Amino acid sequence: MSRQRKTAAVLRLLRVEDLELVSRSPGVAAATLTNGRDAEELENDRLNEKIANLEANHPLAHRRLKP
């Protein structure tokens, strides 16, 4: 299975599509897709944490520009 097809399947899972339905489409085991989804969610959590840390340490984080 190509990386592109795996990515597409994991994205479908992240949009809360049914695991069994998604796993039948590309013909890959549900456990493989679940592992990919979990890895993607972990990466998203790490990125969100990094963003929060950067924003908290930014000296102008509390200021907002007026429209």
Protein backbone atom coordinates (compact mmCIF):
# COMPACT_ATOMS: atom_id res chain seq x y z
CA MET A 1 0.00 0.00 0.00
CA SER A 2 1.42 3.36 -0.96
CA ARG A 3 2.14 6.10 1.55
CA GLN A 4 -0.44 8.29 -0.20
CA ARG A 5 -3.21 5.70 0.21
CA LYS A 6 -2.30 5.13 3.88
CA THR A 7 -2.38 8.87 4.53
CA ALA A 8 -5.78 9.18 2.84
CA ALA A 9 -7.16 6.33 4.97
CA VAL A 10 -5.81 7.82 8.21
CA LEU A 11 -7.32 11.20 7.31
CA ARG A 12 -10.69 9.52 6.83
CA LEU A 13 -10.37 8.06 10.34
CA LEU A 14 -9.50 11.44 11.77
CA ARG A 15 -12.76 12.73 10.26
CA VAL A 16 -14.47 10.06 12.38
CA GLU A 17 -15.41 7.73 9.56
CA ASP A 18 -16.14 4.12 10.55
CA LEU A 19 -12.94 2.09 11.03
CA GLU A 20 -14.31 -1.07 9.42
CA LEU A 21 -15.55 0.82 6.37
CA VAL A 22 -12.25 2.65 5.93
CA SER A 23 -10.19 -0.53 6.36
CA ARG A 24 -12.20 -2.36 3.69
CA SER A 25 -11.67 0.36 1.12
CA PRO A 26 -7.84 0.21 0.79
CA GLY A 27 -7.69 -3.43 1.89
CA VAL A 28 -5.51 -2.87 4.94
CA ALA A 29 -5.98 -4.24 8.44
CA ALA A 30 -7.94 -2.10 10.87
CA ALA A 31 -5.09 -2.35 13.40
CA THR A 32 -2.67 -0.79 10.89
CA LEU A 33 -5.03 2.13 10.33
CA THR A 34 -5.60 2.55 14.05
CA ASN A 35 -1.85 2.72 14.65
CA GLY A 36 -1.52 5.35 11.91
CA ARG A 37 -4.39 7.37 13.33
CA ASP A 38 -2.91 7.23 16.83
CA ALA A 39 0.48 8.35 15.54
CA GLU A 40 -1.13 11.26 13.67
CA GLU A 41 -3.08 12.35 16.76
CA LEU A 42 0.10 12.16 18.86
CA GLU A 43 1.92 14.35 16.35
CA ASN A 44 -0.95 16.86 16.38
CA ASP A 45 -0.85 16.95 20.18
CA ARG A 46 2.90 17.62 20.10
CA LEU A 47 2.49 20.42 17.57
CA ASN A 48 -0.31 22.03 19.58
CA GLU A 49 1.84 21.87 22.71
CA LYS A 50 4.76 23.51 20.89
CA ILE A 51 2.48 26.25 19.58
CA ALA A 52 1.09 26.90 23.06
CA ASN A 53 4.62 27.11 24.49
CA LEU A 54 5.74 29.51 21.77
CA GLU A 55 2.70 31.72 22.26
CA ALA A 56 3.11 31.73 26.04
CA ASN A 57 6.76 32.76 25.77
CA HIS A 58 6.12 35.45 23.18
CA PRO A 59 6.41 38.88 24.80
CA LEU A 60 3.44 40.25 22.87
CA ALA A 61 1.21 37.19 23.21
CA HIS A 62 -1.31 39.07 25.38
CA ARG A 63 -1.72 41.88 22.85
CA ARG A 64 -4.12 41.73 19.95
CA LEU A 65 -4.20 44.01 16.97
CA LYS A 66 -7.43 45.93 16.59
CA PRO A 67 -9.21 45.45 13.26
